[in-house]
Amino acid sequence: MAKTIKFNLLLDDNPVRDIESLQNNFCIDDILEVYENGLLQKWLKVRGFDAYLEKVRNINKEHSIIVELIKIFDIQKDDEAIRESIYSLEFQENRKKSLEIFDTKDNNLKNRIAKYHQGYEELIEAIIEHKENMAFLKVASKEISDKYFKLFELDYLRSYNLYKKESPFMIYAILMNNKLCDFFLYNDKINESLHKSFILDTQPKVNNLFYDNFEIFKKLEEKGND
């Protein structure tokens, strides 16, 4: 028959060989840890403390586990000390749960933000891909104003320079969008660029695309006369 290998518990940084030693070194944090990871039960079994083992195995987890362990091992603590210990444990447990919930929400938020930015960048890629499809660009400008307005508010200068180089007609689509156009019209550098190079060079193309009612030029002229 194989010999049972015995081991000591470590409670309050002290080796524990018997029940009396456990009582003398009873540390709430340590005893809870060895109970929850099963080491206490194994220790009771290999040491032959069967009566204690049965009581520990039958702990009702709907009650306070630490109170049950204090009763089982006949730990001499006054009620006030027990209440303080339980309060401390409950506080730590609630804090742990709160942090776990926060981490989960934080990760979910980070994922949503990442997907939101990814969607915006994918839309920009599609705009460049369909740079001569004015119908698509008008829909894209509406999607920016409806869904990505805050990103565009932070990104409009980069967007202008990008579209000027890669998708000039997108600038017209933005100028036709009431929610987006002011970012271009009321930025001095962009407005100057629109007057000096972009608008004047491409207005004939715009007239062909939008017939004779491209009212944005009137708005630009009014801005230029301010």
C-alpha atoms as a PDB file:
ATOM      1  CA  MET A   1       0.000   0.000   0.000  1.00  0.00           C
ATOM      2  CA  ALA A   2       1.377   3.373  -1.015  1.00  0.00           C
ATOM      3  CA  LYS A   3       2.428   5.630   1.810  1.00  0.00           C
ATOM      4  CA  THR A   4       0.419   8.843   2.208  1.00  0.00           C
ATOM      5  CA  ILE A   5       2.549  11.900   1.616  1.00  0.00           C
ATOM      6  CA  LYS A   6       1.877  14.479   4.276  1.00  0.00           C
ATOM      7  CA  PHE A   7       2.460  18.191   3.925  1.00  0.00           C
ATOM      8  CA  ASN A   8       2.125  21.313   6.024  1.00  0.00           C
ATOM      9  CA  LEU A   9      -0.237  24.190   5.478  1.00  0.00           C
ATOM     10  CA  LEU A  10       1.286  27.625   5.455  1.00  0.00           C
ATOM     11  CA  LEU A  11      -0.842  30.052   7.477  1.00  0.00           C
ATOM     12  CA  ASP A  12       0.297  33.517   8.470  1.00  0.00           C
ATOM     13  CA  ASP A  13       3.765  32.540   7.119  1.00  0.00           C
ATOM     14  CA  ASN A  14       3.998  29.636   9.569  1.00  0.00           C
ATOM     15  CA  PRO A  15       3.942  25.880   8.827  1.00  0.00           C
ATOM     16  CA  VAL A  16       0.854  24.157  10.238  1.00  0.00           C
ATOM     17  CA  ARG A  17       0.988  20.458  11.142  1.00  0.00           C
ATOM     18  CA  ASP A  18      -2.070  19.965  13.365  1.00  0.00           C
ATOM     19  CA  ILE A  19      -5.355  21.543  14.425  1.00  0.00           C
ATOM     20  CA  GLU A  20      -3.852  23.350  17.371  1.00  0.00           C
ATOM     21  CA  SER A  21      -1.235  24.920  15.115  1.00  0.00           C
ATOM     22  CA  LEU A  22      -3.999  25.871  12.671  1.00  0.00           C
ATOM     23  CA  GLN A  23      -5.910  27.552  15.492  1.00  0.00           C
ATOM     24  CA  ASN A  24      -2.849  29.463  16.653  1.00  0.00           C
ATOM     25  CA  ASN A  25      -2.003  30.680  13.160  1.00  0.00           C
ATOM     26  CA  PHE A  26      -5.526  31.161  11.908  1.00  0.00           C
ATOM     27  CA  CYS A  27      -5.334  33.960   9.311  1.00  0.00           C
ATOM     28  CA  ILE A  28      -8.577  34.783   7.563  1.00  0.00           C
ATOM     29  CA  ASP A  29      -7.039  35.604   4.177  1.00  0.00           C
ATOM     30  CA  ASP A  30      -4.826  32.502   4.211  1.00  0.00           C
ATOM     31  CA  ILE A  31      -7.485  30.076   5.439  1.00  0.00           C
ATOM     32  CA  LEU A  32      -9.939  31.288   2.817  1.00  0.00           C
ATOM     33  CA  GLU A  33      -7.337  30.869   0.102  1.00  0.00           C
ATOM     34  CA  VAL A  34      -6.469  27.267   1.065  1.00  0.00           C
ATOM     35  CA  TYR A  35     -10.186  26.483   1.439  1.00  0.00           C
ATOM     36  CA  GLU A  36     -11.079  27.853  -1.987  1.00  0.00           C
ATOM     37  CA  ASN A  37      -8.191  26.156  -3.803  1.00  0.00           C
ATOM     38  CA  GLY A  38      -8.904  22.837  -2.020  1.00  0.00           C
ATOM     39  CA  LEU A  39      -5.576  22.646  -0.208  1.00  0.00           C
ATOM     40  CA  LEU A  40      -7.223  22.766   3.228  1.00  0.00           C
ATOM     41  CA  GLN A  41      -9.412  19.762   2.391  1.00  0.00           C
ATOM     42  CA  LYS A  42      -6.411  17.783   1.109  1.00  0.00           C
ATOM     43  CA  TRP A  43      -4.435  18.670   4.228  1.00  0.00           C
ATOM     44  CA  LEU A  44      -7.252  17.511   6.510  1.00  0.00           C
ATOM     45  CA  LYS A  45      -7.504  14.248   4.548  1.00  0.00           C
ATOM     46  CA  VAL A  46      -3.807  13.318   4.552  1.00  0.00           C
ATOM     47  CA  ARG A  47      -3.495  14.285   8.220  1.00  0.00           C
ATOM     48  CA  GLY A  48      -6.471  12.099   9.115  1.00  0.00           C
ATOM     49  CA  PHE A  49      -8.685  14.853  10.492  1.00  0.00           C
ATOM     50  CA  ASP A  50     -11.789  13.221   9.033  1.00  0.00           C
ATOM     51  CA  ALA A  51     -14.337  14.862  11.336  1.00  0.00           C
ATOM     52  CA  TYR A  52     -13.079  18.298  10.428  1.00  0.00           C
ATOM     53  CA  LEU A  53     -12.906  17.339   6.747  1.00  0.00           C
ATOM     54  CA  GLU A  54     -16.567  16.309   6.701  1.00  0.00           C
ATOM     55  CA  LYS A  55     -17.630  19.600   8.299  1.00  0.00           C
ATOM     56  CA  VAL A  56     -15.545  21.620   5.841  1.00  0.00           C
ATOM     57  CA  ARG A  57     -16.961  19.716   2.877  1.00  0.00           C
ATOM     58  CA  ASN A  58     -20.503  20.355   4.148  1.00  0.00           C
ATOM     59  CA  ILE A  59     -20.128  24.127   4.494  1.00  0.00           C
ATOM     60  CA  ASN A  60     -23.200  25.884   3.176  1.00  0.00           C
ATOM     61  CA  LYS A  61     -21.799  28.418   0.738  1.00  0.00           C
ATOM     62  CA  GLU A  62     -24.898  30.538   1.041  1.00  0.00           C
ATOM     63  CA  HIS A  63     -23.608  31.466   4.503  1.00  0.00           C
ATOM     64  CA  SER A  64     -20.386  33.309   5.278  1.00  0.00           C
ATOM     65  CA  ILE A  65     -17.632  30.782   4.623  1.00  0.00           C
ATOM     66  CA  ILE A  66     -15.209  32.424   7.006  1.00  0.00           C
ATOM     67  CA  VAL A  67     -17.765  32.322   9.852  1.00  0.00           C
ATOM     68  CA  GLU A  68     -18.342  28.628   9.170  1.00  0.00           C
ATOM     69  CA  LEU A  69     -14.580  27.955   9.234  1.00  0.00           C
ATOM     70  CA  ILE A  70     -14.224  29.886  12.487  1.00  0.00           C
ATOM     71  CA  LYS A  71     -16.945  27.702  14.023  1.00  0.00           C
ATOM     72  CA  ILE A  72     -15.529  24.439  12.684  1.00  0.00           C
ATOM     73  CA  PHE A  73     -12.035  25.065  14.022  1.00  0.00           C
ATOM     74  CA  ASP A  74     -13.292  26.679  17.247  1.00  0.00           C
ATOM     75  CA  ILE A  75     -11.334  29.863  16.710  1.00  0.00           C
ATOM     76  CA  GLN A  76     -11.562  32.135  19.733  1.00  0.00           C
ATOM     77  CA  LYS A  77     -12.408  35.513  18.262  1.00  0.00           C
ATOM     78  CA  ASP A  78     -14.812  38.048  19.665  1.00  0.00           C
ATOM     79  CA  ASP A  79     -17.829  39.075  17.619  1.00  0.00           C
ATOM     80  CA  GLU A  80     -16.420  42.529  16.825  1.00  0.00           C
ATOM     81  CA  ALA A  81     -13.213  41.081  15.395  1.00  0.00           C
ATOM     82  CA  ILE A  82     -15.217  38.658  13.262  1.00  0.00           C
ATOM     83  CA  ARG A  83     -17.463  41.448  11.964  1.00  0.00           C
ATOM     84  CA  GLU A  84     -14.435  43.574  11.069  1.00  0.00           C
ATOM     85  CA  SER A  85     -12.830  40.657   9.262  1.00  0.00           C
ATOM     86  CA  ILE A  86     -16.005  39.877   7.339  1.00  0.00           C
ATOM     87  CA  TYR A  87     -16.471  43.527   6.404  1.00  0.00           C
ATOM     88  CA  SER A  88     -12.891  43.706   5.152  1.00  0.00           C
ATOM     89  CA  LEU A  89     -13.345  40.562   3.082  1.00  0.00           C
ATOM     90  CA  GLU A  90     -16.644  41.738   1.658  1.00  0.00           C
ATOM     91  CA  PHE A  91     -15.114  45.083   0.769  1.00  0.00           C
ATOM     92  CA  GLN A  92     -12.204  43.399  -1.005  1.00  0.00           C
ATOM     93  CA  GLU A  93     -14.539  41.021  -2.849  1.00  0.00           C
ATOM     94  CA  ASN A  94     -16.872  43.810  -3.947  1.00  0.00           C
ATOM     95  CA  ARG A  95     -13.895  45.882  -5.028  1.00  0.00           C
ATOM     96  CA  LYS A  96     -12.574  42.953  -7.042  1.00  0.00           C
ATOM     97  CA  LYS A  97     -15.956  42.457  -8.733  1.00  0.00           C
ATOM     98  CA  SER A  98     -16.239  46.172  -9.465  1.00  0.00           C
ATOM     99  CA  LEU A  99     -12.815  46.187 -11.089  1.00  0.00           C
ATOM    100  CA  GLU A 100     -13.690  43.117 -13.149  1.00  0.00           C
ATOM    101  CA  ILE A 101     -16.913  44.767 -14.329  1.00  0.00           C
ATOM    102  CA  PHE A 102     -15.002  47.972 -15.101  1.00  0.00           C
ATOM    103  CA  ASP A 103     -12.341  46.061 -17.039  1.00  0.00           C
ATOM    104  CA  THR A 104     -15.049  44.291 -19.042  1.00  0.00           C
ATOM    105  CA  LYS A 105     -16.853  47.535 -19.813  1.00  0.00           C
ATOM    106  CA  ASP A 106     -13.560  49.242 -20.561  1.00  0.00           C
ATOM    107  CA  ASN A 107     -12.569  46.499 -22.984  1.00  0.00           C
ATOM    108  CA  ASN A 108     -16.002  46.601 -24.620  1.00  0.00           C
ATOM    109  CA  LEU A 109     -15.731  50.363 -24.965  1.00  0.00           C
ATOM    110  CA  LYS A 110     -12.255  50.105 -26.455  1.00  0.00           C
ATOM    111  CA  ASN A 111     -13.513  47.514 -28.929  1.00  0.00           C
ATOM    112  CA  ARG A 112     -16.457  49.720 -29.921  1.00  0.00           C
ATOM    113  CA  ILE A 113     -14.190  52.733 -30.367  1.00  0.00           C
ATOM    114  CA  ALA A 114     -11.730  50.683 -32.420  1.00  0.00           C
ATOM    115  CA  LYS A 115     -14.544  49.395 -34.666  1.00  0.00           C
ATOM    116  CA  TYR A 116     -15.936  52.924 -35.004  1.00  0.00           C
ATOM    117  CA  HIS A 117     -12.576  54.287 -36.167  1.00  0.00           C
ATOM    118  CA  GLN A 118     -12.104  51.280 -38.425  1.00  0.00           C
ATOM    119  CA  GLY A 119     -15.479  51.947 -40.058  1.00  0.00           C
ATOM    120  CA  TYR A 120     -14.500  55.557 -40.700  1.00  0.00           C
ATOM    121  CA  GLU A 121     -11.172  54.571 -42.260  1.00  0.00           C
ATOM    122  CA  GLU A 122     -12.868  51.937 -44.431  1.00  0.00           C
ATOM    123  CA  LEU A 123     -15.316  54.569 -45.654  1.00  0.00           C
ATOM    124  CA  ILE A 124     -12.399  56.843 -46.600  1.00  0.00           C
ATOM    125  CA  GLU A 125     -10.828  53.968 -48.540  1.00  0.00           C
ATOM    126  CA  ALA A 126     -14.113  53.424 -50.382  1.00  0.00           C
ATOM    127  CA  ILE A 127     -14.316  57.156 -51.159  1.00  0.00           C
ATOM    128  CA  ILE A 128     -10.909  57.043 -52.786  1.00  0.00           C
ATOM    129  CA  GLU A 129     -11.791  53.846 -54.625  1.00  0.00           C
ATOM    130  CA  HIS A 130     -14.996  55.400 -56.023  1.00  0.00           C
ATOM    131  CA  LYS A 131     -13.515  58.866 -56.471  1.00  0.00           C
ATOM    132  CA  GLU A 132     -15.346  59.596 -59.723  1.00  0.00           C
ATOM    133  CA  ASN A 133     -18.725  58.183 -58.703  1.00  0.00           C
ATOM    134  CA  MET A 134     -20.517  61.341 -57.587  1.00  0.00           C
ATOM    135  CA  ALA A 135     -23.646  59.481 -56.494  1.00  0.00           C
ATOM    136  CA  PHE A 136     -21.561  57.311 -54.177  1.00  0.00           C
ATOM    137  CA  LEU A 137     -19.623  60.308 -52.850  1.00  0.00           C
ATOM    138  CA  LYS A 138     -22.810  62.162 -51.936  1.00  0.00           C
ATOM    139  CA  VAL A 139     -24.014  59.107 -50.016  1.00  0.00           C
ATOM    140  CA  ALA A 140     -20.596  58.861 -48.364  1.00  0.00           C
ATOM    141  CA  SER A 141     -20.720  62.498 -47.251  1.00  0.00           C
ATOM    142  CA  LYS A 142     -24.154  61.860 -45.733  1.00  0.00           C
ATOM    143  CA  GLU A 143     -22.814  58.839 -43.874  1.00  0.00           C
ATOM    144  CA  ILE A 144     -19.980  60.943 -42.498  1.00  0.00           C
ATOM    145  CA  SER A 145     -22.396  63.631 -41.301  1.00  0.00           C
ATOM    146  CA  ASP A 146     -24.831  61.095 -39.826  1.00  0.00           C
ATOM    147  CA  LYS A 147     -22.436  58.570 -38.327  1.00  0.00           C
ATOM    148  CA  TYR A 148     -18.910  59.982 -38.159  1.00  0.00           C
ATOM    149  CA  PHE A 149     -19.504  63.683 -37.571  1.00  0.00           C
ATOM    150  CA  LYS A 150     -17.317  63.893 -34.447  1.00  0.00           C
ATOM    151  CA  LEU A 151     -14.434  62.130 -36.172  1.00  0.00           C
ATOM    152  CA  PHE A 152     -14.740  64.428 -39.172  1.00  0.00           C
ATOM    153  CA  GLU A 153     -14.744  67.420 -36.817  1.00  0.00           C
ATOM    154  CA  LEU A 154     -11.339  66.286 -35.546  1.00  0.00           C
ATOM    155  CA  ASP A 155     -10.107  65.111 -38.931  1.00  0.00           C
ATOM    156  CA  TYR A 156     -11.461  67.594 -41.477  1.00  0.00           C
ATOM    157  CA  LEU A 157      -8.129  69.272 -42.242  1.00  0.00           C
ATOM    158  CA  ARG A 158      -6.440  65.961 -42.984  1.00  0.00           C
ATOM    159  CA  SER A 159      -9.540  64.911 -44.924  1.00  0.00           C
ATOM    160  CA  TYR A 160      -9.411  68.015 -47.096  1.00  0.00           C
ATOM    161  CA  ASN A 161      -5.748  67.505 -47.975  1.00  0.00           C
ATOM    162  CA  LEU A 162      -6.348  63.810 -48.647  1.00  0.00           C
ATOM    163  CA  TYR A 163      -9.400  64.370 -50.830  1.00  0.00           C
ATOM    164  CA  LYS A 164      -7.756  67.240 -52.675  1.00  0.00           C
ATOM    165  CA  LYS A 165      -5.067  64.811 -53.771  1.00  0.00           C
ATOM    166  CA  GLU A 166      -6.938  61.506 -54.032  1.00  0.00           C
ATOM    167  CA  SER A 167     -10.654  62.270 -54.534  1.00  0.00           C
ATOM    168  CA  PRO A 168     -11.347  65.922 -55.520  1.00  0.00           C
ATOM    169  CA  PHE A 169     -15.040  65.364 -56.197  1.00  0.00           C
ATOM    170  CA  MET A 170     -15.480  64.300 -52.566  1.00  0.00           C
ATOM    171  CA  ILE A 171     -14.725  67.891 -51.606  1.00  0.00           C
ATOM    172  CA  TYR A 172     -17.734  69.010 -53.636  1.00  0.00           C
ATOM    173  CA  ALA A 173     -19.852  66.325 -51.999  1.00  0.00           C
ATOM    174  CA  ILE A 174     -18.820  67.668 -48.592  1.00  0.00           C
ATOM    175  CA  LEU A 175     -19.482  71.254 -49.647  1.00  0.00           C
ATOM    176  CA  MET A 176     -23.006  70.215 -50.608  1.00  0.00           C
ATOM    177  CA  ASN A 177     -23.597  68.741 -47.155  1.00  0.00           C
ATOM    178  CA  ASN A 178     -25.041  71.341 -44.796  1.00  0.00           C
ATOM    179  CA  LYS A 179     -23.537  69.741 -41.676  1.00  0.00           C
ATOM    180  CA  LEU A 180     -20.037  69.348 -43.083  1.00  0.00           C
ATOM    181  CA  CYS A 181     -19.458  72.264 -45.421  1.00  0.00           C
ATOM    182  CA  ASP A 182     -18.725  74.886 -42.766  1.00  0.00           C
ATOM    183  CA  PHE A 183     -15.618  73.019 -41.658  1.00  0.00           C
ATOM    184  CA  PHE A 184     -14.148  73.723 -45.088  1.00  0.00           C
ATOM    185  CA  LEU A 185     -15.695  77.138 -45.669  1.00  0.00           C
ATOM    186  CA  TYR A 186     -14.750  78.701 -42.354  1.00  0.00           C
ATOM    187  CA  ASN A 187     -11.220  77.430 -42.103  1.00  0.00           C
ATOM    188  CA  ASP A 188      -9.056  80.205 -43.541  1.00  0.00           C
ATOM    189  CA  LYS A 189      -6.430  77.945 -45.074  1.00  0.00           C
ATOM    190  CA  ILE A 190      -8.963  75.630 -46.675  1.00  0.00           C
ATOM    191  CA  ASN A 191     -11.102  78.533 -47.853  1.00  0.00           C
ATOM    192  CA  GLU A 192      -8.084  80.149 -49.478  1.00  0.00           C
ATOM    193  CA  SER A 193      -7.206  76.880 -51.151  1.00  0.00           C
ATOM    194  CA  LEU A 194     -10.749  76.507 -52.441  1.00  0.00           C
ATOM    195  CA  HIS A 195     -10.719  79.973 -54.007  1.00  0.00           C
ATOM    196  CA  LYS A 196      -7.211  80.049 -55.394  1.00  0.00           C
ATOM    197  CA  SER A 197      -6.810  76.580 -56.810  1.00  0.00           C
ATOM    198  CA  PHE A 198      -9.407  73.927 -56.279  1.00  0.00           C
ATOM    199  CA  ILE A 199     -12.729  75.643 -57.025  1.00  0.00           C
ATOM    200  CA  LEU A 200     -11.527  77.811 -59.915  1.00  0.00           C
ATOM    201  CA  ASP A 201      -9.763  74.955 -61.658  1.00  0.00           C
ATOM    202  CA  THR A 202     -12.651  72.509 -61.459  1.00  0.00           C
ATOM    203  CA  GLN A 203     -15.804  74.645 -61.561  1.00  0.00           C
ATOM    204  CA  PRO A 204     -16.620  73.673 -65.189  1.00  0.00           C
ATOM    205  CA  LYS A 205     -16.569  70.013 -64.139  1.00  0.00           C
ATOM    206  CA  VAL A 206     -18.796  70.847 -61.201  1.00  0.00           C
ATOM    207  CA  ASN A 207     -21.293  72.617 -63.422  1.00  0.00           C
ATOM    208  CA  ASN A 208     -21.497  69.530 -65.622  1.00  0.00           C
ATOM    209  CA  LEU A 209     -21.997  67.310 -62.593  1.00  0.00           C
ATOM    210  CA  PHE A 210     -24.533  69.416 -60.705  1.00  0.00           C
ATOM    211  CA  TYR A 211     -26.187  71.379 -63.524  1.00  0.00           C
ATOM    212  CA  ASP A 212     -26.661  75.096 -62.816  1.00  0.00           C
ATOM    213  CA  ASN A 213     -27.738  75.043 -59.185  1.00  0.00           C
ATOM    214  CA  PHE A 214     -24.453  74.535 -57.377  1.00  0.00           C
ATOM    215  CA  GLU A 215     -25.266  77.075 -54.676  1.00  0.00           C
ATOM    216  CA  ILE A 216     -22.074  76.492 -52.768  1.00  0.00           C
ATOM    217  CA  PHE A 217     -20.292  79.017 -54.975  1.00  0.00           C
ATOM    218  CA  LYS A 218     -22.718  81.687 -53.846  1.00  0.00           C
ATOM    219  CA  LYS A 219     -21.924  80.811 -50.240  1.00  0.00           C
ATOM    220  CA  LEU A 220     -18.201  80.955 -50.987  1.00  0.00           C
ATOM    221  CA  GLU A 221     -18.589  84.347 -52.607  1.00  0.00           C
ATOM    222  CA  GLU A 222     -20.516  85.625 -49.607  1.00  0.00           C
ATOM    223  CA  LYS A 223     -17.775  84.311 -47.329  1.00  0.00           C
ATOM    224  CA  GLY A 224     -15.140  85.967 -49.505  1.00  0.00           C
ATOM    225  CA  ASN A 225     -16.930  89.309 -49.301  1.00  0.00           C
ATOM    226  CA  ASP A 226     -17.097  89.284 -45.473  1.00  0.00           C
END
